[in-house]
Amino acid sequence: MCEGCSSKLCRACYNDHHQQLSKELDQFVYEHDMLKQQLETPNENEPHHLLKQIDEWKKDSINKINQLADQCQADVNQLLDKNKDQLINKFRKITNEARKGQKDDDYDERDLKMWMTQLKELKDELIKQSNICIAVDKQQSAWIKRIKVQEASPQQGNAEDSK
């Protein structure tokens, strides 16, 4: 009689039954040893998939920041060039008026005072450089998604895997 399954067996059947149990025990020992090896072996060559996911998020976020920074720098350069062109045009206008007045000998104190005032204003604008500033868009929703790490219940873990 087998005490495990309570079956009444003859000696031959009992030996076969015991041999089958022995094979199942061997399979158990094999799976046990494989799991033990996995638990004891460091995973240095293969980073955890969650770490890979965080690295991808990091790369994506850095790329977005770099793209925005490049665009903002291009915008600043464009506006600085525009302001400089405007200053050069004002300077040329003052220069042309002063030279014409000098050439034609057609100027007086009022013209000199006006040209000096315009020249001073131009210097001040050049020193001030521009009316460009950087504004933070507070209305923008999260442009870069914030992530956080947390423990999930078994149901959450399975739900996340199926997404």
N, C-alpha and C. Protein backbone atom coordinates (compact mmCIF):
# COMPACT_ATOMS: atom_id res chain seq x y z
N MET A 1 0.85 -1.18 0.00
CA MET A 1 0.00 0.00 0.00
C MET A 1 0.89 1.24 0.00
N CYS A 2 0.54 2.20 -0.87
CA CYS A 2 1.29 3.46 -0.93
C CYS A 2 0.69 4.41 0.09
N GLU A 3 1.51 4.88 1.01
CA GLU A 3 1.01 5.77 2.05
C GLU A 3 0.70 7.16 1.52
N GLY A 4 1.36 7.58 0.42
CA GLY A 4 1.15 8.91 -0.13
C GLY A 4 -0.18 9.04 -0.84
N CYS A 5 -0.53 8.06 -1.69
CA CYS A 5 -1.77 8.17 -2.47
C CYS A 5 -2.82 7.16 -2.01
N SER A 6 -2.52 6.39 -0.99
CA SER A 6 -3.43 5.39 -0.40
C SER A 6 -3.92 4.35 -1.41
N SER A 7 -3.10 4.07 -2.41
CA SER A 7 -3.47 3.05 -3.40
C SER A 7 -2.95 1.69 -2.94
N LYS A 8 -3.79 0.66 -3.15
CA LYS A 8 -3.35 -0.70 -2.87
C LYS A 8 -2.67 -1.22 -4.13
N LEU A 9 -1.42 -1.56 -3.99
CA LEU A 9 -0.64 -1.97 -5.14
C LEU A 9 0.08 -3.29 -4.85
N CYS A 10 0.22 -4.08 -5.92
CA CYS A 10 1.03 -5.28 -5.78
C CYS A 10 2.49 -4.87 -5.76
N ARG A 11 3.38 -5.79 -5.47
CA ARG A 11 4.81 -5.47 -5.35
C ARG A 11 5.35 -4.87 -6.65
N ALA A 12 5.01 -5.43 -7.81
CA ALA A 12 5.51 -4.93 -9.09
C ALA A 12 4.97 -3.52 -9.36
N CYS A 13 3.67 -3.36 -9.12
CA CYS A 13 3.07 -2.03 -9.34
C CYS A 13 3.63 -1.02 -8.34
N TYR A 14 3.85 -1.50 -7.11
CA TYR A 14 4.43 -0.60 -6.11
C TYR A 14 5.81 -0.15 -6.54
N ASN A 15 6.63 -1.07 -7.07
CA ASN A 15 7.97 -0.71 -7.54
C ASN A 15 7.89 0.29 -8.70
N ASP A 16 6.96 0.05 -9.65
CA ASP A 16 6.77 1.00 -10.76
C ASP A 16 6.33 2.37 -10.22
N HIS A 17 5.41 2.33 -9.29
CA HIS A 17 4.90 3.56 -8.68
C HIS A 17 6.03 4.31 -7.98
N HIS A 18 6.83 3.60 -7.25
CA HIS A 18 7.95 4.22 -6.54
C HIS A 18 8.99 4.77 -7.53
N GLN A 19 9.21 4.05 -8.63
CA GLN A 19 10.15 4.52 -9.65
C GLN A 19 9.62 5.82 -10.28
N GLN A 20 8.31 5.91 -10.53
CA GLN A 20 7.72 7.13 -11.08
C GLN A 20 7.89 8.28 -10.09
N LEU A 21 7.66 8.02 -8.82
CA LEU A 21 7.87 9.05 -7.79
C LEU A 21 9.32 9.49 -7.75
N SER A 22 10.22 8.55 -7.94
CA SER A 22 11.65 8.86 -7.93
C SER A 22 12.00 9.78 -9.11
N LYS A 23 11.40 9.53 -10.29
CA LYS A 23 11.62 10.41 -11.45
C LYS A 23 11.09 11.81 -11.17
N GLU A 24 9.91 11.89 -10.57
CA GLU A 24 9.32 13.19 -10.24
C GLU A 24 10.18 13.94 -9.23
N LEU A 25 10.75 13.18 -8.26
CA LEU A 25 11.65 13.81 -7.29
C LEU A 25 12.91 14.31 -7.99
N ASP A 26 13.44 13.53 -8.93
CA ASP A 26 14.61 13.98 -9.69
C ASP A 26 14.30 15.28 -10.45
N GLN A 27 13.12 15.36 -11.06
CA GLN A 27 12.71 16.57 -11.78
C GLN A 27 12.61 17.75 -10.81
N PHE A 28 12.05 17.49 -9.62
CA PHE A 28 11.95 18.54 -8.61
C PHE A 28 13.34 19.04 -8.21
N VAL A 29 14.26 18.11 -7.96
CA VAL A 29 15.62 18.48 -7.56
C VAL A 29 16.29 19.28 -8.68
N TYR A 30 16.09 18.89 -9.93
CA TYR A 30 16.66 19.62 -11.06
C TYR A 30 16.12 21.06 -11.10
N GLU A 31 14.81 21.22 -11.04
CA GLU A 31 14.21 22.56 -11.07
C GLU A 31 14.64 23.38 -9.85
N HIS A 32 14.74 22.71 -8.70
CA HIS A 32 15.21 23.37 -7.48
C HIS A 32 16.62 23.91 -7.67
N ASP A 33 17.50 23.08 -8.21
CA ASP A 33 18.89 23.49 -8.42
C ASP A 33 19.01 24.61 -9.45
N MET A 34 18.18 24.56 -10.50
CA MET A 34 18.20 25.62 -11.51
C MET A 34 17.76 26.96 -10.90
N LEU A 35 16.71 26.93 -10.09
CA LEU A 35 16.24 28.15 -9.44
C LEU A 35 17.29 28.67 -8.47
N LYS A 36 17.92 27.77 -7.73
CA LYS A 36 18.98 28.17 -6.80
C LYS A 36 20.11 28.86 -7.56
N GLN A 37 20.49 28.31 -8.70
CA GLN A 37 21.56 28.89 -9.50
C GLN A 37 21.17 30.29 -10.00
N GLN A 38 19.93 30.45 -10.43
CA GLN A 38 19.46 31.76 -10.89
C GLN A 38 19.47 32.78 -9.75
N LEU A 39 19.08 32.33 -8.57
CA LEU A 39 19.04 33.24 -7.42
C LEU A 39 20.44 33.65 -6.97
N GLU A 40 21.39 32.76 -7.11
CA GLU A 40 22.75 33.03 -6.63
C GLU A 40 23.64 33.69 -7.67
N THR A 41 23.26 33.64 -8.94
CA THR A 41 24.09 34.21 -10.01
C THR A 41 23.76 35.70 -10.16
N PRO A 42 24.79 36.55 -10.08
CA PRO A 42 24.52 37.98 -10.27
C PRO A 42 24.14 38.27 -11.73
N ASN A 43 23.26 39.23 -11.92
CA ASN A 43 22.79 39.59 -13.26
C ASN A 43 23.53 40.80 -13.79
N GLU A 44 24.85 40.77 -13.74
CA GLU A 44 25.65 41.92 -14.17
C GLU A 44 25.58 42.12 -15.68
N ASN A 45 25.49 41.03 -16.43
CA ASN A 45 25.48 41.14 -17.89
C ASN A 45 24.14 41.61 -18.43
N GLU A 46 23.10 41.40 -17.68
CA GLU A 46 21.76 41.68 -18.17
C GLU A 46 21.02 42.57 -17.16
N PRO A 47 20.99 43.88 -17.39
CA PRO A 47 20.29 44.75 -16.44
C PRO A 47 18.79 44.46 -16.43
N HIS A 48 18.20 44.73 -15.32
CA HIS A 48 16.77 44.49 -15.14
C HIS A 48 15.98 45.34 -16.14
N HIS A 49 14.88 44.81 -16.63
CA HIS A 49 14.09 45.53 -17.64
C HIS A 49 13.58 46.87 -17.12
N LEU A 50 13.36 46.99 -15.83
CA LEU A 50 12.92 48.27 -15.27
C LEU A 50 14.03 49.31 -15.36
N LEU A 51 15.28 48.87 -15.14
CA LEU A 51 16.41 49.80 -15.28
C LEU A 51 16.56 50.24 -16.73
N LYS A 52 16.32 49.32 -17.66
CA LYS A 52 16.35 49.68 -19.08
C LYS A 52 15.26 50.70 -19.39
N GLN A 53 14.09 50.51 -18.81
CA GLN A 53 12.97 51.42 -19.04
C GLN A 53 13.31 52.81 -18.50
N ILE A 54 13.94 52.88 -17.34
CA ILE A 54 14.34 54.18 -16.76
C ILE A 54 15.39 54.83 -17.65
N ASP A 55 16.35 54.06 -18.14
CA ASP A 55 17.37 54.62 -19.05
C ASP A 55 16.73 55.19 -20.31
N GLU A 56 15.74 54.50 -20.86
CA GLU A 56 15.06 54.99 -22.07
C GLU A 56 14.33 56.30 -21.76
N TRP A 57 13.65 56.36 -20.61
CA TRP A 57 12.96 57.60 -20.21
C TRP A 57 13.97 58.74 -20.06
N LYS A 58 15.10 58.43 -19.46
CA LYS A 58 16.15 59.45 -19.26
C LYS A 58 16.65 59.97 -20.60
N LYS A 59 16.96 59.05 -21.53
CA LYS A 59 17.45 59.46 -22.85
C LYS A 59 16.41 60.31 -23.57
N ASP A 60 15.16 59.88 -23.52
CA ASP A 60 14.08 60.61 -24.19
C ASP A 60 13.92 62.01 -23.59
N SER A 61 13.97 62.10 -22.27
CA SER A 61 13.83 63.40 -21.60
C SER A 61 15.00 64.32 -21.94
N ILE A 62 16.20 63.79 -21.94
CA ILE A 62 17.39 64.59 -22.28
C ILE A 62 17.30 65.07 -23.72
N ASN A 63 16.85 64.20 -24.62
CA ASN A 63 16.69 64.60 -26.02
C ASN A 63 15.69 65.74 -26.15
N LYS A 64 14.57 65.64 -25.43
CA LYS A 64 13.56 66.71 -25.48
C LYS A 64 14.14 68.02 -24.95
N ILE A 65 14.88 67.95 -23.86
CA ILE A 65 15.50 69.16 -23.29
C ILE A 65 16.52 69.74 -24.26
N ASN A 66 17.35 68.90 -24.85
CA ASN A 66 18.35 69.38 -25.81
C ASN A 66 17.69 70.03 -27.02
N GLN A 67 16.62 69.44 -27.52
CA GLN A 67 15.92 70.02 -28.66
C GLN A 67 15.34 71.38 -28.31
N LEU A 68 14.72 71.48 -27.14
CA LEU A 68 14.14 72.76 -26.73
C LEU A 68 15.23 73.80 -26.49
N ALA A 69 16.33 73.40 -25.86
CA ALA A 69 17.43 74.34 -25.62
C ALA A 69 18.02 74.82 -26.95
N ASP A 70 18.20 73.91 -27.90
CA ASP A 70 18.73 74.30 -29.22
C ASP A 70 17.79 75.29 -29.90
N GLN A 71 16.48 75.03 -29.82
CA GLN A 71 15.51 75.93 -30.44
C GLN A 71 15.53 77.30 -29.76
N CYS A 72 15.60 77.31 -28.43
CA CYS A 72 15.64 78.59 -27.70
C CYS A 72 16.91 79.37 -28.03
N GLN A 73 18.03 78.68 -28.12
CA GLN A 73 19.28 79.36 -28.49
C GLN A 73 19.20 79.93 -29.89
N ALA A 74 18.60 79.20 -30.81
CA ALA A 74 18.43 79.70 -32.18
C ALA A 74 17.52 80.93 -32.17
N ASP A 75 16.45 80.88 -31.36
CA ASP A 75 15.54 82.03 -31.26
C ASP A 75 16.26 83.25 -30.70
N VAL A 76 17.09 83.06 -29.67
CA VAL A 76 17.85 84.18 -29.09
C VAL A 76 18.78 84.77 -30.13
N ASN A 77 19.52 83.92 -30.83
CA ASN A 77 20.44 84.42 -31.87
C ASN A 77 19.69 85.18 -32.96
N GLN A 78 18.53 84.67 -33.35
CA GLN A 78 17.74 85.35 -34.38
C GLN A 78 17.27 86.72 -33.88
N LEU A 79 16.79 86.79 -32.65
CA LEU A 79 16.33 88.08 -32.09
C LEU A 79 17.50 89.04 -31.89
N LEU A 80 18.66 88.54 -31.46
CA LEU A 80 19.83 89.40 -31.30
C LEU A 80 20.27 89.97 -32.65
N ASP A 81 20.25 89.13 -33.67
CA ASP A 81 20.60 89.60 -35.02
C ASP A 81 19.61 90.65 -35.50
N LYS A 82 18.33 90.41 -35.24
CA LYS A 82 17.29 91.37 -35.64
C LYS A 82 17.50 92.71 -34.94
N ASN A 83 17.77 92.66 -33.62
CA ASN A 83 18.01 93.90 -32.86
C ASN A 83 19.26 94.62 -33.37
N LYS A 84 20.30 93.84 -33.67
CA LYS A 84 21.53 94.45 -34.17
C LYS A 84 21.29 95.11 -35.52
N ASP A 85 20.54 94.45 -36.39
CA ASP A 85 20.20 95.03 -37.70
C ASP A 85 19.43 96.34 -37.53
N GLN A 86 18.51 96.35 -36.57
CA GLN A 86 17.74 97.58 -36.32
C GLN A 86 18.67 98.70 -35.83
N LEU A 87 19.61 98.37 -34.96
CA LEU A 87 20.56 99.37 -34.46
C LEU A 87 21.45 99.88 -35.60
N ILE A 88 21.89 98.98 -36.46
CA ILE A 88 22.73 99.37 -37.60
C ILE A 88 21.95 100.31 -38.52
N ASN A 89 20.68 100.00 -38.77
CA ASN A 89 19.86 100.87 -39.63
C ASN A 89 19.68 102.25 -39.01
N LYS A 90 19.44 102.30 -37.70
CA LYS A 90 19.32 103.61 -37.02
C LYS A 90 20.64 104.37 -37.10
N PHE A 91 21.75 103.64 -36.90
CA PHE A 91 23.07 104.26 -36.97
C PHE A 91 23.33 104.84 -38.36
N ARG A 92 23.00 104.08 -39.39
CA ARG A 92 23.19 104.56 -40.77
C ARG A 92 22.35 105.81 -41.04
N LYS A 93 21.14 105.81 -40.53
CA LYS A 93 20.26 106.97 -40.73
C LYS A 93 20.88 108.22 -40.09
N ILE A 94 21.36 108.07 -38.86
CA ILE A 94 22.01 109.21 -38.18
C ILE A 94 23.25 109.64 -38.96
N THR A 95 24.05 108.65 -39.38
CA THR A 95 25.27 108.95 -40.14
C THR A 95 24.95 109.70 -41.43
N ASN A 96 23.96 109.21 -42.17
CA ASN A 96 23.59 109.85 -43.44
C ASN A 96 23.09 111.28 -43.22
N GLU A 97 22.26 111.47 -42.20
CA GLU A 97 21.75 112.82 -41.92
C GLU A 97 22.89 113.76 -41.54
N ALA A 98 23.79 113.30 -40.68
CA ALA A 98 24.89 114.15 -40.23
C ALA A 98 25.83 114.47 -41.40
N ARG A 99 26.16 113.48 -42.20
CA ARG A 99 27.07 113.72 -43.35
C ARG A 99 26.42 114.64 -44.39
N LYS A 100 25.13 114.44 -44.61
CA LYS A 100 24.44 115.32 -45.57
C LYS A 100 24.43 116.75 -45.06
N GLY A 101 24.14 116.90 -43.76
CA GLY A 101 24.16 118.25 -43.18
C GLY A 101 25.54 118.87 -43.27
N GLN A 102 26.57 118.05 -43.00
CA GLN A 102 27.95 118.55 -43.07
C GLN A 102 28.33 118.89 -44.50
N LYS A 103 27.98 118.01 -45.44
CA LYS A 103 28.34 118.21 -46.85
C LYS A 103 27.64 119.45 -47.42
N ASP A 104 26.37 119.58 -47.08
CA ASP A 104 25.59 120.72 -47.59
C ASP A 104 25.80 121.98 -46.76
N ASP A 105 26.56 121.84 -45.68
CA ASP A 105 26.75 122.95 -44.74
C ASP A 105 25.40 123.50 -44.29
N ASP A 106 24.51 122.50 -43.98
CA ASP A 106 23.13 122.84 -43.62
C ASP A 106 22.79 122.18 -42.28
N TYR A 107 23.32 122.71 -41.21
CA TYR A 107 23.03 122.21 -39.87
C TYR A 107 23.23 123.36 -38.89
N ASP A 108 22.60 123.20 -37.73
CA ASP A 108 22.77 124.19 -36.67
C ASP A 108 22.82 123.46 -35.33
N GLU A 109 22.73 124.20 -34.24
CA GLU A 109 22.84 123.62 -32.90
C GLU A 109 21.75 122.58 -32.63
N ARG A 110 20.57 122.86 -33.14
CA ARG A 110 19.45 121.93 -32.92
C ARG A 110 19.75 120.58 -33.59
N ASP A 111 20.30 120.62 -34.83
CA ASP A 111 20.66 119.37 -35.53
C ASP A 111 21.74 118.61 -34.77
N LEU A 112 22.79 119.32 -34.34
CA LEU A 112 23.86 118.68 -33.57
C LEU A 112 23.32 118.06 -32.29
N LYS A 113 22.46 118.79 -31.59
CA LYS A 113 21.88 118.28 -30.34
C LYS A 113 21.04 117.03 -30.64
N MET A 114 20.25 117.06 -31.72
CA MET A 114 19.41 115.92 -32.08
C MET A 114 20.29 114.71 -32.43
N TRP A 115 21.35 114.93 -33.23
CA TRP A 115 22.22 113.82 -33.61
C TRP A 115 22.94 113.24 -32.39
N MET A 116 23.38 114.10 -31.50
CA MET A 116 24.05 113.64 -30.27
C MET A 116 23.07 112.84 -29.40
N THR A 117 21.84 113.33 -29.30
CA THR A 117 20.82 112.61 -28.52
C THR A 117 20.55 111.24 -29.15
N GLN A 118 20.39 111.21 -30.47
CA GLN A 118 20.15 109.94 -31.16
C GLN A 118 21.33 108.98 -30.99
N LEU A 119 22.55 109.53 -31.07
CA LEU A 119 23.74 108.71 -30.90
C LEU A 119 23.81 108.14 -29.48
N LYS A 120 23.49 108.97 -28.47
CA LYS A 120 23.48 108.50 -27.08
C LYS A 120 22.42 107.41 -26.89
N GLU A 121 21.24 107.63 -27.45
CA GLU A 121 20.18 106.62 -27.34
C GLU A 121 20.62 105.30 -27.99
N LEU A 122 21.30 105.41 -29.11
CA LEU A 122 21.80 104.23 -29.79
C LEU A 122 22.84 103.49 -28.94
N LYS A 123 23.73 104.24 -28.30
CA LYS A 123 24.72 103.63 -27.39
C LYS A 123 24.01 102.92 -26.24
N ASP A 124 23.01 103.59 -25.67
CA ASP A 124 22.26 102.99 -24.56
C ASP A 124 21.57 101.69 -25.00
N GLU A 125 20.98 101.71 -26.19
CA GLU A 125 20.33 100.50 -26.70
C GLU A 125 21.35 99.38 -26.91
N LEU A 126 22.53 99.75 -27.38
CA LEU A 126 23.58 98.75 -27.61
C LEU A 126 24.04 98.15 -26.29
N ILE A 127 24.19 98.99 -25.28
CA ILE A 127 24.60 98.50 -23.96
C ILE A 127 23.49 97.62 -23.37
N LYS A 128 22.27 98.11 -23.46
CA LYS A 128 21.13 97.35 -22.95
C LYS A 128 20.97 96.05 -23.73
N GLN A 129 21.38 96.08 -24.97
CA GLN A 129 21.43 94.96 -25.91
C GLN A 129 20.06 94.59 -26.46
N SER A 130 19.10 94.29 -25.63
CA SER A 130 17.81 93.88 -26.19
C SER A 130 16.75 93.83 -25.11
N ASN A 131 15.56 93.63 -25.57
CA ASN A 131 14.45 93.44 -24.65
C ASN A 131 14.04 91.97 -24.62
N ILE A 132 15.00 91.11 -24.84
CA ILE A 132 14.75 89.66 -24.86
C ILE A 132 14.85 89.12 -23.44
N CYS A 133 13.92 88.25 -23.09
CA CYS A 133 13.99 87.58 -21.78
C CYS A 133 13.53 86.14 -21.96
N ILE A 134 13.76 85.35 -20.96
CA ILE A 134 13.32 83.96 -20.98
C ILE A 134 12.12 83.84 -20.07
N ALA A 135 11.04 83.31 -20.61
CA ALA A 135 9.81 83.14 -19.84
C ALA A 135 9.54 81.65 -19.66
N VAL A 136 9.11 81.29 -18.46
CA VAL A 136 8.75 79.90 -18.17
C VAL A 136 7.26 79.75 -18.44
N ASP A 137 6.91 78.78 -19.27
CA ASP A 137 5.51 78.54 -19.61
C ASP A 137 4.86 77.74 -18.49
N LYS A 138 4.14 78.44 -17.63
CA LYS A 138 3.52 77.77 -16.47
C LYS A 138 2.21 77.09 -16.84
N GLN A 139 1.67 77.41 -18.01
CA GLN A 139 0.44 76.78 -18.46
C GLN A 139 0.69 75.41 -19.11
N GLN A 140 1.92 75.18 -19.52
CA GLN A 140 2.28 73.93 -20.21
C GLN A 140 2.12 72.76 -19.25
N SER A 141 1.41 71.74 -19.69
CA SER A 141 1.32 70.53 -18.87
C SER A 141 2.68 69.84 -18.90
N ALA A 142 2.83 68.83 -18.11
CA ALA A 142 4.13 68.15 -17.98
C ALA A 142 4.63 67.74 -19.36
N TRP A 143 5.66 68.41 -19.79
CA TRP A 143 6.25 68.15 -21.10
C TRP A 143 7.08 66.88 -21.03
N ILE A 144 7.79 66.74 -19.94
CA ILE A 144 8.54 65.52 -19.68
C ILE A 144 7.78 64.79 -18.58
N LYS A 145 7.36 63.61 -18.88
CA LYS A 145 6.58 62.84 -17.92
C LYS A 145 7.45 62.48 -16.72
N ARG A 146 6.93 62.73 -15.53
CA ARG A 146 7.65 62.39 -14.31
C ARG A 146 7.38 60.92 -14.01
N ILE A 147 8.42 60.20 -13.69
CA ILE A 147 8.25 58.79 -13.33
C ILE A 147 8.64 58.61 -11.87
N LYS A 148 8.13 57.56 -11.28
CA LYS A 148 8.54 57.20 -9.93
C LYS A 148 8.50 55.69 -9.81
N VAL A 149 9.24 55.19 -8.88
CA VAL A 149 9.34 53.75 -8.67
C VAL A 149 8.55 53.41 -7.43
N GLN A 150 7.72 52.41 -7.53
CA GLN A 150 6.95 51.97 -6.38
C GLN A 150 6.71 50.48 -6.47
N GLU A 151 6.41 49.89 -5.34
CA GLU A 151 6.09 48.47 -5.33
C GLU A 151 4.65 48.32 -5.79
N ALA A 152 4.42 47.33 -6.62
CA ALA A 152 3.08 47.08 -7.12
C ALA A 152 2.55 45.79 -6.51
N SER A 153 1.24 45.77 -6.31
CA SER A 153 0.63 44.52 -5.86
C SER A 153 0.68 43.54 -7.02
N PRO A 154 0.54 42.25 -6.77
CA PRO A 154 0.60 41.28 -7.87
C PRO A 154 -0.40 41.59 -8.99
N GLN A 155 -1.60 42.09 -8.65
CA GLN A 155 -2.58 42.42 -9.68
C GLN A 155 -2.09 43.59 -10.54
N GLN A 156 -1.47 44.61 -9.92
CA GLN A 156 -0.96 45.76 -10.66
C GLN A 156 0.17 45.34 -11.58
N GLY A 157 1.04 44.48 -11.09
CA GLY A 157 2.16 44.03 -11.90
C GLY A 157 1.69 43.34 -13.17
N ASN A 158 0.66 42.49 -13.04
CA ASN A 158 0.13 41.80 -14.21
C ASN A 158 -0.59 42.76 -15.14
N ALA A 159 -1.29 43.74 -14.57
CA ALA A 159 -1.99 44.72 -15.40
C ALA A 159 -0.99 45.57 -16.17
N GLU A 160 0.13 45.92 -15.55
CA GLU A 160 1.16 46.72 -16.21
C GLU A 160 1.79 45.94 -17.35
N ASP A 161 1.99 44.63 -17.14
CA ASP A 161 2.62 43.80 -18.16
C ASP A 161 1.74 43.69 -19.40
N SER A 162 0.41 43.74 -19.21
CA SER A 162 -0.49 43.56 -20.35
C SER A 162 -0.68 44.84 -21.14
N LYS A 163 -0.19 45.98 -20.66
CA LYS A 163 -0.36 47.26 -21.37
C LYS A 163 0.60 47.38 -22.51
